[in-house]
Amino acid sequence: MRIILLIIGIVALLAGVLFALQGSGVVHWPSDSFMLDQSVWRTRGIIIAFAGAAIILISRRVGNR
């Protein structure tokens, strides 16, 4: 269970950072993405990244029991 939560958390964190950077216009990859320079995707990306970080922390607590 710990490993599964950790993997989900890492994927969510990385995806959230990518979404936030695309929404901010920092990353223009892929060039035909609908998320580029869209502030709504910056906000969603930040939320997803924080959720991923929370899942990572939860996975660490589950492993300590």
PDB file of N, CA and C in Angstrom:
ATOM      1  N   MET A   1       0.823  -1.191   0.000  1.00  0.00           N
ATOM      2  CA  MET A   1       0.000   0.000   0.000  1.00  0.00           C
ATOM      3  C   MET A   1       0.873   1.263   0.000  1.00  0.00           C
ATOM      4  N   ARG A   2       1.957   1.224   0.778  1.00  0.00           N
ATOM      5  CA  ARG A   2       2.842   2.379   0.881  1.00  0.00           C
ATOM      6  C   ARG A   2       3.455   2.731  -0.465  1.00  0.00           C
ATOM      7  N   ILE A   3       3.924   1.724  -1.186  1.00  0.00           N
ATOM      8  CA  ILE A   3       4.572   1.954  -2.481  1.00  0.00           C
ATOM      9  C   ILE A   3       3.568   2.513  -3.488  1.00  0.00           C
ATOM     10  N   ILE A   4       2.361   1.983  -3.483  1.00  0.00           N
ATOM     11  CA  ILE A   4       1.340   2.456  -4.424  1.00  0.00           C
ATOM     12  C   ILE A   4       1.014   3.931  -4.157  1.00  0.00           C
ATOM     13  N   LEU A   5       0.838   4.290  -2.885  1.00  0.00           N
ATOM     14  CA  LEU A   5       0.567   5.688  -2.547  1.00  0.00           C
ATOM     15  C   LEU A   5       1.738   6.584  -2.926  1.00  0.00           C
ATOM     16  N   LEU A   6       2.950   6.104  -2.696  1.00  0.00           N
ATOM     17  CA  LEU A   6       4.132   6.888  -3.039  1.00  0.00           C
ATOM     18  C   LEU A   6       4.205   7.142  -4.542  1.00  0.00           C
ATOM     19  N   ILE A   7       3.952   6.131  -5.341  1.00  0.00           N
ATOM     20  CA  ILE A   7       3.990   6.284  -6.806  1.00  0.00           C
ATOM     21  C   ILE A   7       2.903   7.245  -7.270  1.00  0.00           C
ATOM     22  N   ILE A   8       1.696   7.094  -6.738  1.00  0.00           N
ATOM     23  CA  ILE A   8       0.600   7.992  -7.107  1.00  0.00           C
ATOM     24  C   ILE A   8       0.947   9.428  -6.723  1.00  0.00           C
ATOM     25  N   GLY A   9       1.511   9.610  -5.549  1.00  0.00           N
ATOM     26  CA  GLY A   9       1.890  10.942  -5.091  1.00  0.00           C
ATOM     27  C   GLY A   9       2.952  11.581  -5.963  1.00  0.00           C
ATOM     28  N   ILE A  10       3.956  10.807  -6.342  1.00  0.00           N
ATOM     29  CA  ILE A  10       5.021  11.340  -7.194  1.00  0.00           C
ATOM     30  C   ILE A  10       4.481  11.723  -8.562  1.00  0.00           C
ATOM     31  N   VAL A  11       3.654  10.863  -9.138  1.00  0.00           N
ATOM     32  CA  VAL A  11       3.072  11.164 -10.452  1.00  0.00           C
ATOM     33  C   VAL A  11       2.201  12.416 -10.375  1.00  0.00           C
ATOM     34  N   ALA A  12       1.389  12.521  -9.334  1.00  0.00           N
ATOM     35  CA  ALA A  12       0.526  13.701  -9.185  1.00  0.00           C
ATOM     36  C   ALA A  12       1.361  14.961  -8.981  1.00  0.00           C
ATOM     37  N   LEU A  13       2.409  14.868  -8.192  1.00  0.00           N
ATOM     38  CA  LEU A  13       3.271  16.029  -7.959  1.00  0.00           C
ATOM     39  C   LEU A  13       3.926  16.489  -9.257  1.00  0.00           C
ATOM     40  N   LEU A  14       4.483  15.559 -10.008  1.00  0.00           N
ATOM     41  CA  LEU A  14       5.147  15.916 -11.272  1.00  0.00           C
ATOM     42  C   LEU A  14       4.154  16.459 -12.300  1.00  0.00           C
ATOM     43  N   ALA A  15       2.982  15.826 -12.389  1.00  0.00           N
ATOM     44  CA  ALA A  15       1.967  16.308 -13.331  1.00  0.00           C
ATOM     45  C   ALA A  15       1.490  17.702 -12.937  1.00  0.00           C
ATOM     46  N   GLY A  16       1.285  17.920 -11.648  1.00  0.00           N
ATOM     47  CA  GLY A  16       0.846  19.227 -11.181  1.00  0.00           C
ATOM     48  C   GLY A  16       1.853  20.322 -11.478  1.00  0.00           C
ATOM     49  N   VAL A  17       3.131  20.023 -11.282  1.00  0.00           N
ATOM     50  CA  VAL A  17       4.175  21.007 -11.590  1.00  0.00           C
ATOM     51  C   VAL A  17       4.186  21.300 -13.086  1.00  0.00           C
ATOM     52  N   LEU A  18       4.067  20.255 -13.910  1.00  0.00           N
ATOM     53  CA  LEU A  18       4.033  20.465 -15.360  1.00  0.00           C
ATOM     54  C   LEU A  18       2.828  21.312 -15.763  1.00  0.00           C
ATOM     55  N   PHE A  19       1.658  20.998 -15.221  1.00  0.00           N
ATOM     56  CA  PHE A  19       0.448  21.763 -15.547  1.00  0.00           C
ATOM     57  C   PHE A  19       0.610  23.222 -15.135  1.00  0.00           C
ATOM     58  N   ALA A  20       1.161  23.450 -13.941  1.00  0.00           N
ATOM     59  CA  ALA A  20       1.338  24.820 -13.453  1.00  0.00           C
ATOM     60  C   ALA A  20       2.319  25.591 -14.329  1.00  0.00           C
ATOM     61  N   LEU A  21       3.398  24.939 -14.736  1.00  0.00           N
ATOM     62  CA  LEU A  21       4.378  25.612 -15.592  1.00  0.00           C
ATOM     63  C   LEU A  21       3.817  25.887 -16.987  1.00  0.00           C
ATOM     64  N   GLN A  22       3.021  24.971 -17.505  1.00  0.00           N
ATOM     65  CA  GLN A  22       2.381  25.208 -18.797  1.00  0.00           C
ATOM     66  C   GLN A  22       1.368  26.343 -18.678  1.00  0.00           C
ATOM     67  N   GLY A  23       0.581  26.337 -17.623  1.00  0.00           N
ATOM     68  CA  GLY A  23      -0.415  27.384 -17.430  1.00  0.00           C
ATOM     69  C   GLY A  23       0.217  28.758 -17.237  1.00  0.00           C
ATOM     70  N   SER A  24       1.408  28.779 -16.662  1.00  0.00           N
ATOM     71  CA  SER A  24       2.130  30.041 -16.465  1.00  0.00           C
ATOM     72  C   SER A  24       2.847  30.507 -17.722  1.00  0.00           C
ATOM     73  N   GLY A  25       2.974  29.637 -18.701  1.00  0.00           N
ATOM     74  CA  GLY A  25       3.665  29.989 -19.933  1.00  0.00           C
ATOM     75  C   GLY A  25       5.165  29.787 -19.861  1.00  0.00           C
ATOM     76  N   VAL A  26       5.634  29.106 -18.828  1.00  0.00           N
ATOM     77  CA  VAL A  26       7.069  28.848 -18.683  1.00  0.00           C
ATOM     78  C   VAL A  26       7.495  27.692 -19.583  1.00  0.00           C
ATOM     79  N   VAL A  27       6.678  26.646 -19.598  1.00  0.00           N
ATOM     80  CA  VAL A  27       6.964  25.461 -20.413  1.00  0.00           C
ATOM     81  C   VAL A  27       5.992  25.450 -21.587  1.00  0.00           C
ATOM     82  N   HIS A  28       6.520  25.404 -22.789  1.00  0.00           N
ATOM     83  CA  HIS A  28       5.685  25.345 -24.000  1.00  0.00           C
ATOM     84  C   HIS A  28       5.848  23.992 -24.681  1.00  0.00           C
ATOM     85  N   TRP A  29       5.638  22.951 -23.892  1.00  0.00           N
ATOM     86  CA  TRP A  29       5.730  21.594 -24.410  1.00  0.00           C
ATOM     87  C   TRP A  29       4.524  20.820 -23.922  1.00  0.00           C
ATOM     88  N   PRO A  30       3.857  20.106 -24.757  1.00  0.00           N
ATOM     89  CA  PRO A  30       3.952  20.112 -26.217  1.00  0.00           C
ATOM     90  C   PRO A  30       3.407  21.421 -26.782  1.00  0.00           C
ATOM     91  N   SER A  31       3.896  21.775 -27.912  1.00  0.00           N
ATOM     92  CA  SER A  31       3.593  23.103 -28.461  1.00  0.00           C
ATOM     93  C   SER A  31       2.121  23.297 -28.824  1.00  0.00           C
ATOM     94  N   ASP A  32       1.378  22.217 -29.012  1.00  0.00           N
ATOM     95  CA  ASP A  32      -0.038  22.345 -29.368  1.00  0.00           C
ATOM     96  C   ASP A  32      -0.961  22.096 -28.164  1.00  0.00           C
ATOM     97  N   SER A  33      -0.420  22.151 -26.953  1.00  0.00           N
ATOM     98  CA  SER A  33      -1.213  21.904 -25.752  1.00  0.00           C
ATOM     99  C   SER A  33      -2.233  23.021 -25.530  1.00  0.00           C
ATOM    100  N   PHE A  34      -3.418  22.639 -25.094  1.00  0.00           N
ATOM    101  CA  PHE A  34      -4.468  23.622 -24.821  1.00  0.00           C
ATOM    102  C   PHE A  34      -4.260  24.304 -23.469  1.00  0.00           C
ATOM    103  N   MET A  35      -3.287  23.862 -22.691  1.00  0.00           N
ATOM    104  CA  MET A  35      -3.042  24.428 -21.363  1.00  0.00           C
ATOM    105  C   MET A  35      -2.101  25.621 -21.373  1.00  0.00           C
ATOM    106  N   LEU A  36      -1.465  25.887 -22.473  1.00  0.00           N
ATOM    107  CA  LEU A  36      -0.433  26.929 -22.518  1.00  0.00           C
ATOM    108  C   LEU A  36      -1.022  28.308 -22.246  1.00  0.00           C
ATOM    109  N   ASP A  37      -0.373  29.020 -21.338  1.00  0.00           N
ATOM    110  CA  ASP A  37      -0.751  30.395 -20.986  1.00  0.00           C
ATOM    111  C   ASP A  37      -2.199  30.523 -20.524  1.00  0.00           C
ATOM    112  N   GLN A  38      -2.701  29.513 -19.830  1.00  0.00           N
ATOM    113  CA  GLN A  38      -4.060  29.530 -19.292  1.00  0.00           C
ATOM    114  C   GLN A  38      -3.974  29.519 -17.766  1.00  0.00           C
ATOM    115  N   SER A  39      -4.370  30.615 -17.124  1.00  0.00           N
ATOM    116  CA  SER A  39      -4.212  30.725 -15.678  1.00  0.00           C
ATOM    117  C   SER A  39      -4.999  29.668 -14.909  1.00  0.00           C
ATOM    118  N   VAL A  40      -6.084  29.191 -15.487  1.00  0.00           N
ATOM    119  CA  VAL A  40      -6.855  28.147 -14.806  1.00  0.00           C
ATOM    120  C   VAL A  40      -6.016  26.885 -14.647  1.00  0.00           C
ATOM    121  N   TRP A  41      -5.165  26.587 -15.608  1.00  0.00           N
ATOM    122  CA  TRP A  41      -4.308  25.405 -15.506  1.00  0.00           C
ATOM    123  C   TRP A  41      -3.154  25.627 -14.544  1.00  0.00           C
ATOM    124  N   ARG A  42      -2.742  26.863 -14.372  1.00  0.00           N
ATOM    125  CA  ARG A  42      -1.735  27.159 -13.351  1.00  0.00           C
ATOM    126  C   ARG A  42      -2.318  26.849 -11.977  1.00  0.00           C
ATOM    127  N   THR A  43      -3.533  27.299 -11.731  1.00  0.00           N
ATOM    128  CA  THR A  43      -4.191  27.065 -10.449  1.00  0.00           C
ATOM    129  C   THR A  43      -4.437  25.577 -10.223  1.00  0.00           C
ATOM    130  N   ARG A  44      -4.962  24.899 -11.221  1.00  0.00           N
ATOM    131  CA  ARG A  44      -5.221  23.462 -11.092  1.00  0.00           C
ATOM    132  C   ARG A  44      -3.926  22.692 -10.871  1.00  0.00           C
ATOM    133  N   GLY A  45      -2.877  23.096 -11.561  1.00  0.00           N
ATOM    134  CA  GLY A  45      -1.587  22.437 -11.399  1.00  0.00           C
ATOM    135  C   GLY A  45      -1.049  22.570  -9.992  1.00  0.00           C
ATOM    136  N   ILE A  46      -1.173  23.752  -9.416  1.00  0.00           N
ATOM    137  CA  ILE A  46      -0.717  23.966  -8.045  1.00  0.00           C
ATOM    138  C   ILE A  46      -1.508  23.086  -7.079  1.00  0.00           C
ATOM    139  N   ILE A  47      -2.809  23.015  -7.282  1.00  0.00           N
ATOM    140  CA  ILE A  47      -3.657  22.177  -6.422  1.00  0.00           C
ATOM    141  C   ILE A  47      -3.262  20.707  -6.551  1.00  0.00           C
ATOM    142  N   ILE A  48      -3.054  20.245  -7.785  1.00  0.00           N
ATOM    143  CA  ILE A  48      -2.665  18.851  -8.005  1.00  0.00           C
ATOM    144  C   ILE A  48      -1.295  18.565  -7.395  1.00  0.00           C
ATOM    145  N   ALA A  49      -0.366  19.499  -7.526  1.00  0.00           N
ATOM    146  CA  ALA A  49       0.967  19.317  -6.947  1.00  0.00           C
ATOM    147  C   ALA A  49       0.890  19.214  -5.423  1.00  0.00           C
ATOM    148  N   PHE A  50       0.098  20.078  -4.784  1.00  0.00           N
ATOM    149  CA  PHE A  50      -0.055  19.995  -3.331  1.00  0.00           C
ATOM    150  C   PHE A  50      -0.727  18.689  -2.917  1.00  0.00           C
ATOM    151  N   ALA A  51      -1.705  18.238  -3.695  1.00  0.00           N
ATOM    152  CA  ALA A  51      -2.349  16.955  -3.396  1.00  0.00           C
ATOM    153  C   ALA A  51      -1.338  15.816  -3.511  1.00  0.00           C
ATOM    154  N   GLY A  52      -0.490  15.866  -4.527  1.00  0.00           N
ATOM    155  CA  GLY A  52       0.550  14.852  -4.680  1.00  0.00           C
ATOM    156  C   GLY A  52       1.521  14.858  -3.516  1.00  0.00           C
ATOM    157  N   ALA A  53       1.907  16.043  -3.068  1.00  0.00           N
ATOM    158  CA  ALA A  53       2.809  16.148  -1.922  1.00  0.00           C
ATOM    159  C   ALA A  53       2.139  15.591  -0.663  1.00  0.00           C
ATOM    160  N   ALA A  54       0.851  15.853  -0.495  1.00  0.00           N
ATOM    161  CA  ALA A  54       0.123  15.325   0.659  1.00  0.00           C
ATOM    162  C   ALA A  54       0.064  13.799   0.612  1.00  0.00           C
ATOM    163  N   ILE A  55      -0.160  13.245  -0.575  1.00  0.00           N
ATOM    164  CA  ILE A  55      -0.198  11.786  -0.719  1.00  0.00           C
ATOM    165  C   ILE A  55       1.163  11.183  -0.398  1.00  0.00           C
ATOM    166  N   ILE A  56       2.231  11.856  -0.810  1.00  0.00           N
ATOM    167  CA  ILE A  56       3.578  11.381  -0.483  1.00  0.00           C
ATOM    168  C   ILE A  56       3.778  11.362   1.034  1.00  0.00           C
ATOM    169  N   LEU A  57       3.366  12.428   1.715  1.00  0.00           N
ATOM    170  CA  LEU A  57       3.492  12.472   3.178  1.00  0.00           C
ATOM    171  C   LEU A  57       2.658  11.380   3.847  1.00  0.00           C
ATOM    172  N   ILE A  58       1.458  11.160   3.327  1.00  0.00           N
ATOM    173  CA  ILE A  58       0.607  10.096   3.871  1.00  0.00           C
ATOM    174  C   ILE A  58       1.263   8.740   3.674  1.00  0.00           C
ATOM    175  N   SER A  59       1.868   8.525   2.511  1.00  0.00           N
ATOM    176  CA  SER A  59       2.515   7.237   2.259  1.00  0.00           C
ATOM    177  C   SER A  59       3.677   7.007   3.226  1.00  0.00           C
ATOM    178  N   ARG A  60       4.356   8.066   3.622  1.00  0.00           N
ATOM    179  CA  ARG A  60       5.461   7.932   4.575  1.00  0.00           C
ATOM    180  C   ARG A  60       4.934   7.571   5.963  1.00  0.00           C
ATOM    181  N   ARG A  61       3.781   8.115   6.331  1.00  0.00           N
ATOM    182  CA  ARG A  61       3.185   7.790   7.637  1.00  0.00           C
ATOM    183  C   ARG A  61       2.663   6.366   7.650  1.00  0.00           C
ATOM    184  N   VAL A  62       2.070   5.923   6.549  1.00  0.00           N
ATOM    185  CA  VAL A  62       1.555   4.563   6.468  1.00  0.00           C
ATOM    186  C   VAL A  62       2.702   3.570   6.623  1.00  0.00           C
ATOM    187  N   GLY A  63       3.849   3.909   6.078  1.00  0.00           N
ATOM    188  CA  GLY A  63       5.013   3.026   6.163  1.00  0.00           C
ATOM    189  C   GLY A  63       5.621   2.961   7.544  1.00  0.00           C
ATOM    190  N   ASN A  64       5.365   3.946   8.396  1.00  0.00           N
ATOM    191  CA  ASN A  64       5.938   3.966   9.737  1.00  0.00           C
ATOM    192  C   ASN A  64       5.149   3.149  10.756  1.00  0.00           C
ATOM    193  N   ARG A  65       3.991   2.682  10.383  1.00  0.00           N
ATOM    194  CA  ARG A  65       3.158   1.920  11.350  1.00  0.00           C
ATOM    195  C   ARG A  65       3.562   0.495  11.421  1.00  0.00           C
TER     196      ARG A  65
END
